[in-house]
PDB file of all heavy atoms in Angstrom:
ATOM      1  N   TYR A   1     180.354 212.654 140.352  1.00  0.00           N
ATOM      2  CA  TYR A   1     179.052 212.066 140.042  1.00  0.00           C
ATOM      3  C   TYR A   1     179.136 210.636 139.545  1.00  0.00           C
ATOM      4  O   TYR A   1     178.142 210.072 139.122  1.00  0.00           O
ATOM      5  CB  TYR A   1     178.328 212.953 139.013  1.00  0.00           C
ATOM      6  CG  TYR A   1     178.123 214.324 139.564  1.00  0.00           C
ATOM      7  CD1 TYR A   1     179.061 215.325 139.326  1.00  0.00           C
ATOM      8  CD2 TYR A   1     177.044 214.606 140.382  1.00  0.00           C
ATOM      9  CE1 TYR A   1     178.902 216.581 139.873  1.00  0.00           C
ATOM     10  CE2 TYR A   1     176.884 215.864 140.935  1.00  0.00           C
ATOM     11  CZ  TYR A   1     177.819 216.844 140.681  1.00  0.00           C
ATOM     12  OH  TYR A   1     177.664 218.087 141.232  1.00  0.00           O
ATOM     13  N   GLY A   2     180.296 210.031 139.581  1.00  0.00           N
ATOM     14  CA  GLY A   2     180.406 208.631 139.224  1.00  0.00           C
ATOM     15  C   GLY A   2     181.493 208.386 138.207  1.00  0.00           C
ATOM     16  O   GLY A   2     181.826 209.247 137.393  1.00  0.00           O
ATOM     17  N   SER A   3     182.053 207.181 138.241  1.00  0.00           N
ATOM     18  CA  SER A   3     183.120 206.849 137.308  1.00  0.00           C
ATOM     19  C   SER A   3     182.616 206.829 135.877  1.00  0.00           C
ATOM     20  O   SER A   3     183.397 206.996 134.941  1.00  0.00           O
ATOM     21  CB  SER A   3     183.721 205.486 137.672  1.00  0.00           C
ATOM     22  OG  SER A   3     182.726 204.472 137.640  1.00  0.00           O
ATOM     23  N   GLN A   4     181.290 206.628 135.668  1.00  0.00           N
ATOM     24  CA  GLN A   4     180.757 206.647 134.309  1.00  0.00           C
ATOM     25  C   GLN A   4     180.793 208.050 133.713  1.00  0.00           C
ATOM     26  O   GLN A   4     180.562 208.219 132.523  1.00  0.00           O
ATOM     27  CB  GLN A   4     179.309 206.147 134.270  1.00  0.00           C
ATOM     28  CG  GLN A   4     179.074 204.864 135.027  1.00  0.00           C
ATOM     29  CD  GLN A   4     178.517 205.130 136.409  1.00  0.00           C
ATOM     30  OE1 GLN A   4     179.044 205.922 137.172  1.00  0.00           O
ATOM     31  NE2 GLN A   4     177.437 204.448 136.728  1.00  0.00           N
ATOM     32  N   ALA A   5     181.067 209.072 134.526  1.00  0.00           N
ATOM     33  CA  ALA A   5     181.068 210.451 134.049  1.00  0.00           C
ATOM     34  C   ALA A   5     182.464 210.907 133.653  1.00  0.00           C
ATOM     35  O   ALA A   5     182.773 212.093 133.713  1.00  0.00           O
ATOM     36  CB  ALA A   5     180.495 211.376 135.125  1.00  0.00           C
ATOM     37  N   ILE A   6     183.307 209.978 133.217  1.00  0.00           N
ATOM     38  CA  ILE A   6     184.675 210.326 132.851  1.00  0.00           C
ATOM     39  C   ILE A   6     184.700 211.348 131.714  1.00  0.00           C
ATOM     40  O   ILE A   6     185.646 212.112 131.566  1.00  0.00           O
ATOM     41  CB  ILE A   6     185.458 209.046 132.461  1.00  0.00           C
ATOM     42  CG1 ILE A   6     186.962 209.296 132.447  1.00  0.00           C
ATOM     43  CG2 ILE A   6     184.963 208.479 131.149  1.00  0.00           C
ATOM     44  CD1 ILE A   6     187.773 208.021 132.297  1.00  0.00           C
ATOM     45  N   GLY A   7     183.632 211.398 130.904  1.00  0.00           N
ATOM     46  CA  GLY A   7     183.553 212.380 129.831  1.00  0.00           C
ATOM     47  C   GLY A   7     182.814 213.645 130.198  1.00  0.00           C
ATOM     48  O   GLY A   7     183.063 214.694 129.600  1.00  0.00           O
ATOM     49  N   GLY A   8     181.906 213.567 131.161  1.00  0.00           N
ATOM     50  CA  GLY A   8     181.172 214.760 131.556  1.00  0.00           C
ATOM     51  C   GLY A   8     179.793 214.412 132.092  1.00  0.00           C
ATOM     52  O   GLY A   8     179.388 213.244 132.151  1.00  0.00           O
ATOM     53  N   VAL A   9     179.060 215.455 132.468  1.00  0.00           N
ATOM     54  CA  VAL A   9     177.746 215.314 133.092  1.00  0.00           C
ATOM     55  C   VAL A   9     176.778 216.292 132.441  1.00  0.00           C
ATOM     56  O   VAL A   9     177.123 217.434 132.157  1.00  0.00           O
ATOM     57  CB  VAL A   9     177.826 215.589 134.606  1.00  0.00           C
ATOM     58  CG1 VAL A   9     176.444 215.778 135.205  1.00  0.00           C
ATOM     59  CG2 VAL A   9     178.553 214.451 135.318  1.00  0.00           C
ATOM     60  N   VAL A  10     175.564 215.816 132.208  1.00  0.00           N
ATOM     61  CA  VAL A  10     174.439 216.684 131.839  1.00  0.00           C
ATOM     62  C   VAL A  10     173.400 216.535 132.939  1.00  0.00           C
ATOM     63  O   VAL A  10     172.908 215.431 133.186  1.00  0.00           O
ATOM     64  CB  VAL A  10     173.843 216.297 130.475  1.00  0.00           C
ATOM     65  CG1 VAL A  10     172.564 217.083 130.214  1.00  0.00           C
ATOM     66  CG2 VAL A  10     174.856 216.545 129.362  1.00  0.00           C
ATOM     67  N   ASN A  11     173.097 217.623 133.618  1.00  0.00           N
ATOM     68  CA  ASN A  11     172.137 217.580 134.717  1.00  0.00           C
ATOM     69  C   ASN A  11     170.911 218.403 134.348  1.00  0.00           C
ATOM     70  O   ASN A  11     171.019 219.584 134.027  1.00  0.00           O
ATOM     71  CB  ASN A  11     172.757 218.133 135.997  1.00  0.00           C
ATOM     72  CG  ASN A  11     171.874 217.855 137.207  1.00  0.00           C
ATOM     73  OD1 ASN A  11     171.379 216.757 137.389  1.00  0.00           O
ATOM     74  ND2 ASN A  11     171.672 218.866 138.031  1.00  0.00           N
ATOM     75  N   VAL A  12     169.762 217.758 134.392  1.00  0.00           N
ATOM     76  CA  VAL A  12     168.499 218.400 134.048  1.00  0.00           C
ATOM     77  C   VAL A  12     167.766 218.760 135.337  1.00  0.00           C
ATOM     78  O   VAL A  12     167.529 217.900 136.182  1.00  0.00           O
ATOM     79  CB  VAL A  12     167.641 217.471 133.180  1.00  0.00           C
ATOM     80  CG1 VAL A  12     166.277 218.080 132.924  1.00  0.00           C
ATOM     81  CG2 VAL A  12     168.355 217.187 131.858  1.00  0.00           C
ATOM     82  N   ILE A  13     167.452 220.038 135.468  1.00  0.00           N
ATOM     83  CA  ILE A  13     166.781 220.529 136.676  1.00  0.00           C
ATOM     84  C   ILE A  13     165.301 220.715 136.385  1.00  0.00           C
ATOM     85  O   ILE A  13     164.922 221.447 135.466  1.00  0.00           O
ATOM     86  CB  ILE A  13     167.395 221.868 137.137  1.00  0.00           C
ATOM     87  CG1 ILE A  13     168.902 221.742 137.322  1.00  0.00           C
ATOM     88  CG2 ILE A  13     166.718 222.353 138.409  1.00  0.00           C
ATOM     89  CD1 ILE A  13     169.315 220.779 138.381  1.00  0.00           C
ATOM     90  N   ASP A  14     164.481 220.039 137.147  1.00  0.00           N
ATOM     91  CA  ASP A  14     163.052 220.315 137.105  1.00  0.00           C
ATOM     92  C   ASP A  14     162.592 220.656 138.519  1.00  0.00           C
ATOM     93  O   ASP A  14     163.409 220.791 139.428  1.00  0.00           O
ATOM     94  CB  ASP A  14     162.261 219.144 136.511  1.00  0.00           C
ATOM     95  CG  ASP A  14     162.465 217.851 137.291  1.00  0.00           C
ATOM     96  OD1 ASP A  14     162.809 217.916 138.486  1.00  0.00           O
ATOM     97  OD2 ASP A  14     162.286 216.763 136.703  1.00  0.00           O
ATOM     98  N   ARG A  15     161.314 220.822 138.708  1.00  0.00           N
ATOM     99  CA  ARG A  15     160.825 221.219 140.032  1.00  0.00           C
ATOM    100  C   ARG A  15     159.818 220.218 140.572  1.00  0.00           C
ATOM    101  O   ARG A  15     158.890 220.595 141.277  1.00  0.00           O
ATOM    102  CB  ARG A  15     160.207 222.619 139.953  1.00  0.00           C
ATOM    103  CG  ARG A  15     161.226 223.702 139.701  1.00  0.00           C
ATOM    104  CD  ARG A  15     160.620 225.077 139.861  1.00  0.00           C
ATOM    105  NE  ARG A  15     159.608 225.330 138.844  1.00  0.00           N
ATOM    106  CZ  ARG A  15     158.788 226.374 138.852  1.00  0.00           C
ATOM    107  NH1 ARG A  15     158.841 227.243 139.843  1.00  0.00           N
ATOM    108  NH2 ARG A  15     157.909 226.564 137.891  1.00  0.00           N
ATOM    109  N   ARG A  16     160.032 218.937 140.228  1.00  0.00           N
ATOM    110  CA  ARG A  16     159.047 217.958 140.675  1.00  0.00           C
ATOM    111  C   ARG A  16     159.055 217.792 142.193  1.00  0.00           C
ATOM    112  O   ARG A  16     158.073 217.320 142.769  1.00  0.00           O
ATOM    113  CB  ARG A  16     159.271 216.610 139.977  1.00  0.00           C
ATOM    114  CG  ARG A  16     160.573 215.923 140.305  1.00  0.00           C
ATOM    115  CD  ARG A  16     160.694 214.604 139.561  1.00  0.00           C
ATOM    116  NE  ARG A  16     160.890 214.804 138.137  1.00  0.00           N
ATOM    117  CZ  ARG A  16     161.030 213.797 137.267  1.00  0.00           C
ATOM    118  NH1 ARG A  16     160.966 212.545 137.686  1.00  0.00           N
ATOM    119  NH2 ARG A  16     161.236 214.037 135.995  1.00  0.00           N
ATOM    120  N   ILE A  17     160.189 218.144 142.859  1.00  0.00           N
ATOM    121  CA  ILE A  17     160.218 218.210 144.321  1.00  0.00           C
ATOM    122  C   ILE A  17     160.420 219.679 144.700  1.00  0.00           C
ATOM    123  O   ILE A  17     161.532 220.200 144.614  1.00  0.00           O
ATOM    124  CB  ILE A  17     161.338 217.336 144.911  1.00  0.00           C
ATOM    125  CG1 ILE A  17     161.147 215.875 144.510  1.00  0.00           C
ATOM    126  CG2 ILE A  17     161.372 217.464 146.435  1.00  0.00           C
ATOM    127  CD1 ILE A  17     162.224 214.944 145.034  1.00  0.00           C
ATOM    128  N   PRO A  18     159.372 220.397 145.100  1.00  0.00           N
ATOM    129  CA  PRO A  18     159.489 221.836 145.376  1.00  0.00           C
ATOM    130  C   PRO A  18     160.391 222.117 146.579  1.00  0.00           C
ATOM    131  O   PRO A  18     160.449 221.334 147.535  1.00  0.00           O
ATOM    132  CB  PRO A  18     158.043 222.262 145.670  1.00  0.00           C
ATOM    133  CG  PRO A  18     157.189 221.169 145.112  1.00  0.00           C
ATOM    134  CD  PRO A  18     157.990 219.919 145.237  1.00  0.00           C
ATOM    135  N   THR A  19     161.110 223.241 146.507  1.00  0.00           N
ATOM    136  CA  THR A  19     161.969 223.660 147.621  1.00  0.00           C
ATOM    137  C   THR A  19     161.627 225.049 148.127  1.00  0.00           C
ATOM    138  O   THR A  19     162.276 225.535 149.049  1.00  0.00           O
ATOM    139  CB  THR A  19     163.446 223.633 147.191  1.00  0.00           C
ATOM    140  OG1 THR A  19     163.624 224.482 146.053  1.00  0.00           O
ATOM    141  CG2 THR A  19     163.891 222.223 146.864  1.00  0.00           C
ATOM    142  N   VAL A  20     160.616 225.702 147.527  1.00  0.00           N
ATOM    143  CA  VAL A  20     160.149 226.997 148.023  1.00  0.00           C
ATOM    144  C   VAL A  20     158.636 227.038 147.937  1.00  0.00           C
ATOM    145  O   VAL A  20     158.019 226.324 147.136  1.00  0.00           O
ATOM    146  CB  VAL A  20     160.742 228.180 147.217  1.00  0.00           C
ATOM    147  CG1 VAL A  20     162.242 228.280 147.418  1.00  0.00           C
ATOM    148  CG2 VAL A  20     160.402 228.065 145.738  1.00  0.00           C
ATOM    149  N   VAL A  21     158.015 227.871 148.761  1.00  0.00           N
ATOM    150  CA  VAL A  21     156.572 228.080 148.723  1.00  0.00           C
ATOM    151  C   VAL A  21     156.271 229.152 147.682  1.00  0.00           C
ATOM    152  O   VAL A  21     156.892 230.215 147.696  1.00  0.00           O
ATOM    153  CB  VAL A  21     156.039 228.518 150.099  1.00  0.00           C
ATOM    154  CG1 VAL A  21     154.536 228.771 150.028  1.00  0.00           C
ATOM    155  CG2 VAL A  21     156.360 227.460 151.151  1.00  0.00           C
ATOM    156  N   PRO A  22     155.356 228.909 146.735  1.00  0.00           N
ATOM    157  CA  PRO A  22     155.042 229.930 145.733  1.00  0.00           C
ATOM    158  C   PRO A  22     154.570 231.223 146.378  1.00  0.00           C
ATOM    159  O   PRO A  22     153.870 231.214 147.397  1.00  0.00           O
ATOM    160  CB  PRO A  22     153.926 229.289 144.908  1.00  0.00           C
ATOM    161  CG  PRO A  22     154.063 227.825 145.143  1.00  0.00           C
ATOM    162  CD  PRO A  22     154.583 227.681 146.542  1.00  0.00           C
ATOM    163  N   ASP A  23     154.961 232.321 145.791  1.00  0.00           N
ATOM    164  CA  ASP A  23     154.622 233.625 146.340  1.00  0.00           C
ATOM    165  C   ASP A  23     153.122 233.886 146.308  1.00  0.00           C
ATOM    166  O   ASP A  23     152.567 234.510 147.213  1.00  0.00           O
ATOM    167  CB  ASP A  23     155.370 234.707 145.546  1.00  0.00           C
ATOM    168  CG  ASP A  23     155.133 236.091 146.101  1.00  0.00           C
ATOM    169  OD1 ASP A  23     155.131 236.234 147.339  1.00  0.00           O
ATOM    170  OD2 ASP A  23     154.949 237.024 145.304  1.00  0.00           O
ATOM    171  N   HIS A  24     152.452 233.414 145.263  1.00  0.00           N
ATOM    172  CA  HIS A  24     151.023 233.685 145.101  1.00  0.00           C
ATOM    173  C   HIS A  24     150.196 232.409 145.221  1.00  0.00           C
ATOM    174  O   HIS A  24     149.185 232.251 144.529  1.00  0.00           O
ATOM    175  CB  HIS A  24     150.765 234.346 143.743  1.00  0.00           C
ATOM    176  CG  HIS A  24     151.469 235.654 143.572  1.00  0.00           C
ATOM    177  ND1 HIS A  24     151.167 236.765 144.341  1.00  0.00           N
ATOM    178  CD2 HIS A  24     152.482 236.020 142.753  1.00  0.00           C
ATOM    179  CE1 HIS A  24     151.952 237.767 143.981  1.00  0.00           C
ATOM    180  NE2 HIS A  24     152.766 237.345 143.024  1.00  0.00           N
ATOM    181  N   THR A  25     150.610 231.485 146.072  1.00  0.00           N
ATOM    182  CA  THR A  25     149.921 230.225 146.343  1.00  0.00           C
ATOM    183  C   THR A  25     149.997 229.259 145.170  1.00  0.00           C
ATOM    184  O   THR A  25     150.306 228.082 145.342  1.00  0.00           O
ATOM    185  CB  THR A  25     148.446 230.461 146.724  1.00  0.00           C
ATOM    186  OG1 THR A  25     148.383 231.353 147.821  1.00  0.00           O
ATOM    187  CG2 THR A  25     147.781 229.144 147.114  1.00  0.00           C
ATOM    188  N   ILE A  26     149.721 229.749 143.965  1.00  0.00           N
ATOM    189  CA  ILE A  26     149.759 228.891 142.784  1.00  0.00           C
ATOM    190  C   ILE A  26     150.722 229.481 141.766  1.00  0.00           C
ATOM    191  O   ILE A  26     150.659 230.678 141.459  1.00  0.00           O
ATOM    192  CB  ILE A  26     148.357 228.733 142.158  1.00  0.00           C
ATOM    193  CG1 ILE A  26     147.415 228.018 143.135  1.00  0.00           C
ATOM    194  CG2 ILE A  26     148.441 227.971 140.841  1.00  0.00           C
ATOM    195  CD1 ILE A  26     145.998 227.889 142.619  1.00  0.00           C
ATOM    196  N   HIS A  27     151.620 228.655 141.248  1.00  0.00           N
ATOM    197  CA  HIS A  27     152.542 229.093 140.193  1.00  0.00           C
ATOM    198  C   HIS A  27     152.458 228.107 139.036  1.00  0.00           C
ATOM    199  O   HIS A  27     152.514 226.895 139.239  1.00  0.00           O
ATOM    200  CB  HIS A  27     153.983 229.149 140.709  1.00  0.00           C
ATOM    201  CG  HIS A  27     154.955 229.635 139.677  1.00  0.00           C
ATOM    202  ND1 HIS A  27     155.089 230.961 139.362  1.00  0.00           N
ATOM    203  CD2 HIS A  27     155.827 228.960 138.867  1.00  0.00           C
ATOM    204  CE1 HIS A  27     156.005 231.102 138.421  1.00  0.00           C
ATOM    205  NE2 HIS A  27     156.468 229.895 138.100  1.00  0.00           N
ATOM    206  N   ILE A  28     152.315 228.636 137.800  1.00  0.00           N
ATOM    207  CA  ILE A  28     152.113 227.812 136.613  1.00  0.00           C
ATOM    208  C   ILE A  28     153.175 228.143 135.565  1.00  0.00           C
ATOM    209  O   ILE A  28     153.471 229.311 135.309  1.00  0.00           O
ATOM    210  CB  ILE A  28     150.704 228.030 136.016  1.00  0.00           C
ATOM    211  CG1 ILE A  28     149.632 227.572 137.016  1.00  0.00           C
ATOM    212  CG2 ILE A  28     150.558 227.274 134.698  1.00  0.00           C
ATOM    213  CD1 ILE A  28     148.221 227.871 136.569  1.00  0.00           C
ATOM    214  N   ASP A  29     153.748 227.103 134.984  1.00  0.00           N
ATOM    215  CA  ASP A  29     154.631 227.229 133.827  1.00  0.00           C
ATOM    216  C   ASP A  29     154.075 226.353 132.713  1.00  0.00           C
ATOM    217  O   ASP A  29     153.567 225.251 132.976  1.00  0.00           O
ATOM    218  CB  ASP A  29     156.055 226.769 134.161  1.00  0.00           C
ATOM    219  CG  ASP A  29     156.760 227.701 135.124  1.00  0.00           C
ATOM    220  OD1 ASP A  29     157.055 228.829 134.724  1.00  0.00           O
ATOM    221  OD2 ASP A  29     157.016 227.278 136.268  1.00  0.00           O
ATOM    222  N   ALA A  30     154.193 226.837 131.478  1.00  0.00           N
ATOM    223  CA  ALA A  30     153.700 226.048 130.348  1.00  0.00           C
ATOM    224  C   ALA A  30     154.515 226.371 129.109  1.00  0.00           C
ATOM    225  O   ALA A  30     155.051 227.475 128.957  1.00  0.00           O
ATOM    226  CB  ALA A  30     152.217 226.328 130.099  1.00  0.00           C
ATOM    227  N   LEU A  31     154.614 225.386 128.218  1.00  0.00           N
ATOM    228  CA  LEU A  31     155.324 225.555 126.952  1.00  0.00           C
ATOM    229  C   LEU A  31     154.656 224.670 125.916  1.00  0.00           C
ATOM    230  O   LEU A  31     154.443 223.476 126.143  1.00  0.00           O
ATOM    231  CB  LEU A  31     156.797 225.159 127.108  1.00  0.00           C
ATOM    232  CG  LEU A  31     157.688 225.212 125.860  1.00  0.00           C
ATOM    233  CD1 LEU A  31     157.723 226.620 125.277  1.00  0.00           C
ATOM    234  CD2 LEU A  31     159.102 224.739 126.197  1.00  0.00           C
ATOM    235  N   THR A  32     154.297 225.254 124.777  1.00  0.00           N
ATOM    236  CA  THR A  32     153.704 224.493 123.685  1.00  0.00           C
ATOM    237  C   THR A  32     154.399 224.870 122.390  1.00  0.00           C
ATOM    238  O   THR A  32     154.879 225.997 122.243  1.00  0.00           O
ATOM    239  CB  THR A  32     152.184 224.751 123.583  1.00  0.00           C
ATOM    240  OG1 THR A  32     151.623 223.917 122.571  1.00  0.00           O
ATOM    241  CG2 THR A  32     151.894 226.205 123.252  1.00  0.00           C
ATOM    242  N   ALA A  33     154.484 223.917 121.454  1.00  0.00           N
ATOM    243  CA  ALA A  33     155.202 224.177 120.209  1.00  0.00           C
ATOM    244  C   ALA A  33     154.625 223.331 119.084  1.00  0.00           C
ATOM    245  O   ALA A  33     154.130 222.218 119.305  1.00  0.00           O
ATOM    246  CB  ALA A  33     156.695 223.876 120.381  1.00  0.00           C
ATOM    247  N   PHE A  34     154.706 223.880 117.858  1.00  0.00           N
ATOM    248  CA  PHE A  34     154.268 223.214 116.641  1.00  0.00           C
ATOM    249  C   PHE A  34     155.298 223.513 115.551  1.00  0.00           C
ATOM    250  O   PHE A  34     155.854 224.608 115.509  1.00  0.00           O
ATOM    251  CB  PHE A  34     152.881 223.704 116.209  1.00  0.00           C
ATOM    252  CG  PHE A  34     151.831 223.579 117.283  1.00  0.00           C
ATOM    253  CD1 PHE A  34     151.664 224.582 118.229  1.00  0.00           C
ATOM    254  CD2 PHE A  34     151.027 222.453 117.349  1.00  0.00           C
ATOM    255  CE1 PHE A  34     150.705 224.468 119.227  1.00  0.00           C
ATOM    256  CE2 PHE A  34     150.071 222.330 118.349  1.00  0.00           C
ATOM    257  CZ  PHE A  34     149.913 223.332 119.288  1.00  0.00           C
ATOM    258  N   ASP A  35     155.551 222.534 114.664  1.00  0.00           N
ATOM    259  CA  ASP A  35     156.508 222.818 113.595  1.00  0.00           C
ATOM    260  C   ASP A  35     156.070 222.173 112.288  1.00  0.00           C
ATOM    261  O   ASP A  35     155.067 221.445 112.221  1.00  0.00           O
ATOM    262  CB  ASP A  35     157.928 222.415 113.985  1.00  0.00           C
ATOM    263  CG  ASP A  35     158.207 220.920 113.933  1.00  0.00           C
ATOM    264  OD1 ASP A  35     157.381 220.164 113.376  1.00  0.00           O
ATOM    265  OD2 ASP A  35     159.260 220.483 114.434  1.00  0.00           O
ATOM    266  N   THR A  36     156.833 222.461 111.223  1.00  0.00           N
ATOM    267  CA  THR A  36     156.479 221.988 109.887  1.00  0.00           C
ATOM    268  C   THR A  36     157.278 220.768 109.459  1.00  0.00           C
ATOM    269  O   THR A  36     156.770 219.926 108.726  1.00  0.00           O
ATOM    270  CB  THR A  36     156.704 223.110 108.866  1.00  0.00           C
ATOM    271  OG1 THR A  36     158.075 223.541 108.901  1.00  0.00           O
ATOM    272  CG2 THR A  36     155.801 224.307 109.166  1.00  0.00           C
ATOM    273  N   ALA A  37     158.530 220.640 109.886  1.00  0.00           N
ATOM    274  CA  ALA A  37     159.381 219.559 109.392  1.00  0.00           C
ATOM    275  C   ALA A  37     158.922 218.188 109.873  1.00  0.00           C
ATOM    276  O   ALA A  37     159.107 217.187 109.177  1.00  0.00           O
ATOM    277  CB  ALA A  37     160.827 219.792 109.807  1.00  0.00           C
ATOM    278  N   SER A  38     158.341 218.119 111.072  1.00  0.00           N
ATOM    279  CA  SER A  38     157.879 216.837 111.603  1.00  0.00           C
ATOM    280  C   SER A  38     156.394 216.847 111.942  1.00  0.00           C
ATOM    281  O   SER A  38     155.898 215.893 112.525  1.00  0.00           O
ATOM    282  CB  SER A  38     158.672 216.471 112.867  1.00  0.00           C
ATOM    283  OG  SER A  38     158.437 217.420 113.896  1.00  0.00           O
ATOM    284  N   ASN A  39     155.706 217.936 111.594  1.00  0.00           N
ATOM    285  CA  ASN A  39     154.304 218.111 111.989  1.00  0.00           C
ATOM    286  C   ASN A  39     154.160 217.954 113.502  1.00  0.00           C
ATOM    287  O   ASN A  39     153.284 217.245 114.006  1.00  0.00           O
ATOM    288  CB  ASN A  39     153.400 217.123 111.254  1.00  0.00           C
ATOM    289  CG  ASN A  39     151.926 217.457 111.404  1.00  0.00           C
ATOM    290  OD1 ASN A  39     151.560 218.618 111.640  1.00  0.00           O
ATOM    291  ND2 ASN A  39     151.065 216.465 111.279  1.00  0.00           N
ATOM    292  N   LEU A  40     155.046 218.608 114.230  1.00  0.00           N
ATOM    293  CA  LEU A  40     155.080 218.527 115.687  1.00  0.00           C
ATOM    294  C   LEU A  40     153.808 219.082 116.311  1.00  0.00           C
ATOM    295  O   LEU A  40     153.330 220.162 115.941  1.00  0.00           O
ATOM    296  CB  LEU A  40     156.290 219.318 116.206  1.00  0.00           C
ATOM    297  CG  LEU A  40     156.362 219.587 117.705  1.00  0.00           C
ATOM    298  CD1 LEU A  40     156.628 218.294 118.474  1.00  0.00           C
ATOM    299  CD2 LEU A  40     157.445 220.626 118.006  1.00  0.00           C
ATOM    300  N   ARG A  41     153.287 218.336 117.285  1.00  0.00           N
ATOM    301  CA  ARG A  41     152.224 218.805 118.175  1.00  0.00           C
ATOM    302  C   ARG A  41     152.691 218.508 119.583  1.00  0.00           C
ATOM    303  O   ARG A  41     152.897 217.336 119.935  1.00  0.00           O
ATOM    304  CB  ARG A  41     150.900 218.079 117.922  1.00  0.00           C
ATOM    305  CG  ARG A  41     150.284 218.332 116.555  1.00  0.00           C
ATOM    306  CD  ARG A  41     150.790 217.370 115.494  1.00  0.00           C
ATOM    307  NE  ARG A  41     150.327 216.004 115.734  1.00  0.00           N
ATOM    308  CZ  ARG A  41     150.844 214.948 115.128  1.00  0.00           C
ATOM    309  NH1 ARG A  41     151.864 215.069 114.284  1.00  0.00           N
ATOM    310  NH2 ARG A  41     150.363 213.738 115.383  1.00  0.00           N
ATOM    311  N   SER A  42     152.901 219.542 120.397  1.00  0.00           N
ATOM    312  CA  SER A  42     153.457 219.289 121.725  1.00  0.00           C
ATOM    313  C   SER A  42     152.981 220.325 122.723  1.00  0.00           C
ATOM    314  O   SER A  42     152.630 221.455 122.365  1.00  0.00           O
ATOM    315  CB  SER A  42     154.991 219.301 121.669  1.00  0.00           C
ATOM    316  OG  SER A  42     155.471 220.599 121.370  1.00  0.00           O
ATOM    317  N   GLY A  43     153.011 219.931 123.978  1.00  0.00           N
ATOM    318  CA  GLY A  43     152.668 220.844 125.056  1.00  0.00           C
ATOM    319  C   GLY A  43     153.064 220.269 126.396  1.00  0.00           C
ATOM    320  O   GLY A  43     153.044 219.047 126.592  1.00  0.00           O
TER     321      GLY A  43
END
């Protein structure tokens, strides 16, 4: 993956380019989180 990877590689997989047709026409994934240490609001 390149000479800059002499220590290693971290590869993040997302699905922004689909490679399969969803079984039910529409497929949805979601994740939301809140915390106390940083007053996190995320989704």
